[in-house]
Amino acid sequence: MILRDDWKQTLPAHMKPSSYATKPTRFTLFLRTFVPWQIVRFLIVNIKMMRMTWLNKHSH
């Protein structure tokens, strides 16, 4: 198998290494797996949805 260095030039723009997402930090990974934080975020999102529903229901 021959490895070539010109593979980056033959790829389409959306497949070049510069277009990929960055690696998450340790803190980000911690927050994604920390259940109390997930509960807080869940509650915040639900409160926002309830508020939008209530505002829509009472705007007429």
C-alpha atoms as a PDB file:
ATOM      1  CA  MET A   1       0.000   0.000   0.000  1.00  0.00           C
ATOM      2  CA  ILE A   2       1.404   3.353  -1.009  1.00  0.00           C
ATOM      3  CA  LEU A   3       0.623   6.382   1.147  1.00  0.00           C
ATOM      4  CA  ARG A   4       0.410   9.636  -0.701  1.00  0.00           C
ATOM      5  CA  ASP A   5       0.519  13.158   0.673  1.00  0.00           C
ATOM      6  CA  ASP A   6      -1.604  14.661  -2.070  1.00  0.00           C
ATOM      7  CA  TRP A   7      -4.875  13.108  -0.854  1.00  0.00           C
ATOM      8  CA  LYS A   8      -5.838  16.409   0.823  1.00  0.00           C
ATOM      9  CA  GLN A   9      -5.764  18.174  -2.520  1.00  0.00           C
ATOM     10  CA  THR A  10      -7.997  15.597  -4.224  1.00  0.00           C
ATOM     11  CA  LEU A  11     -10.759  15.639  -1.595  1.00  0.00           C
ATOM     12  CA  PRO A  12     -13.829  17.843  -1.998  1.00  0.00           C
ATOM     13  CA  ALA A  13     -13.869  20.940   0.215  1.00  0.00           C
ATOM     14  CA  HIS A  14     -16.390  19.487   2.679  1.00  0.00           C
ATOM     15  CA  MET A  15     -14.168  16.458   3.384  1.00  0.00           C
ATOM     16  CA  LYS A  16     -10.899  18.229   4.124  1.00  0.00           C
ATOM     17  CA  PRO A  17      -9.587  17.909   7.699  1.00  0.00           C
ATOM     18  CA  SER A  18     -10.142  21.609   8.334  1.00  0.00           C
ATOM     19  CA  SER A  19     -13.923  21.170   8.028  1.00  0.00           C
ATOM     20  CA  TYR A  20     -14.300  18.551  10.756  1.00  0.00           C
ATOM     21  CA  ALA A  21     -15.562  19.389  14.251  1.00  0.00           C
ATOM     22  CA  THR A  22     -13.110  19.980  17.050  1.00  0.00           C
ATOM     23  CA  LYS A  23     -12.541  17.433  19.794  1.00  0.00           C
ATOM     24  CA  PRO A  24     -14.622  18.210  22.906  1.00  0.00           C
ATOM     25  CA  THR A  25     -12.762  19.277  26.019  1.00  0.00           C
ATOM     26  CA  ARG A  26     -12.693  17.163  29.167  1.00  0.00           C
ATOM     27  CA  PHE A  27     -15.085  19.619  30.829  1.00  0.00           C
ATOM     28  CA  THR A  28     -17.552  19.299  27.935  1.00  0.00           C
ATOM     29  CA  LEU A  29     -17.407  15.514  28.140  1.00  0.00           C
ATOM     30  CA  PHE A  30     -17.935  15.740  31.890  1.00  0.00           C
ATOM     31  CA  LEU A  31     -21.046  17.897  31.486  1.00  0.00           C
ATOM     32  CA  ARG A  32     -22.462  15.537  28.862  1.00  0.00           C
ATOM     33  CA  THR A  33     -22.269  12.614  31.273  1.00  0.00           C
ATOM     34  CA  PHE A  34     -23.039  14.426  34.562  1.00  0.00           C
ATOM     35  CA  VAL A  35     -26.650  13.488  35.392  1.00  0.00           C
ATOM     36  CA  PRO A  36     -27.432  16.437  37.726  1.00  0.00           C
ATOM     37  CA  TRP A  37     -26.410  18.872  34.981  1.00  0.00           C
ATOM     38  CA  GLN A  38     -28.570  16.997  32.461  1.00  0.00           C
ATOM     39  CA  ILE A  39     -31.550  17.276  34.823  1.00  0.00           C
ATOM     40  CA  VAL A  40     -31.004  21.033  35.181  1.00  0.00           C
ATOM     41  CA  ARG A  41     -30.762  21.485  31.402  1.00  0.00           C
ATOM     42  CA  PHE A  42     -33.865  19.324  30.929  1.00  0.00           C
ATOM     43  CA  LEU A  43     -35.818  21.487  33.372  1.00  0.00           C
ATOM     44  CA  ILE A  44     -34.647  24.711  31.715  1.00  0.00           C
ATOM     45  CA  VAL A  45     -35.684  23.520  28.266  1.00  0.00           C
ATOM     46  CA  ASN A  46     -39.067  22.351  29.548  1.00  0.00           C
ATOM     47  CA  ILE A  47     -39.723  25.643  31.338  1.00  0.00           C
ATOM     48  CA  LYS A  48     -38.938  27.523  28.124  1.00  0.00           C
ATOM     49  CA  MET A  49     -41.313  25.295  26.146  1.00  0.00           C
ATOM     50  CA  MET A  50     -44.058  25.713  28.734  1.00  0.00           C
ATOM     51  CA  ARG A  51     -43.579  29.477  28.642  1.00  0.00           C
ATOM     52  CA  MET A  52     -43.815  29.564  24.843  1.00  0.00           C
ATOM     53  CA  THR A  53     -46.953  27.417  24.939  1.00  0.00           C
ATOM     54  CA  TRP A  54     -48.524  29.592  27.611  1.00  0.00           C
ATOM     55  CA  LEU A  55     -47.685  32.800  25.759  1.00  0.00           C
ATOM     56  CA  ASN A  56     -49.132  31.428  22.542  1.00  0.00           C
ATOM     57  CA  LYS A  57     -52.275  30.216  24.284  1.00  0.00           C
ATOM     58  CA  HIS A  58     -52.875  33.562  26.010  1.00  0.00           C
ATOM     59  CA  SER A  59     -51.929  35.877  23.167  1.00  0.00           C
ATOM     60  CA  HIS A  60     -55.312  35.659  21.424  1.00  0.00           C
END
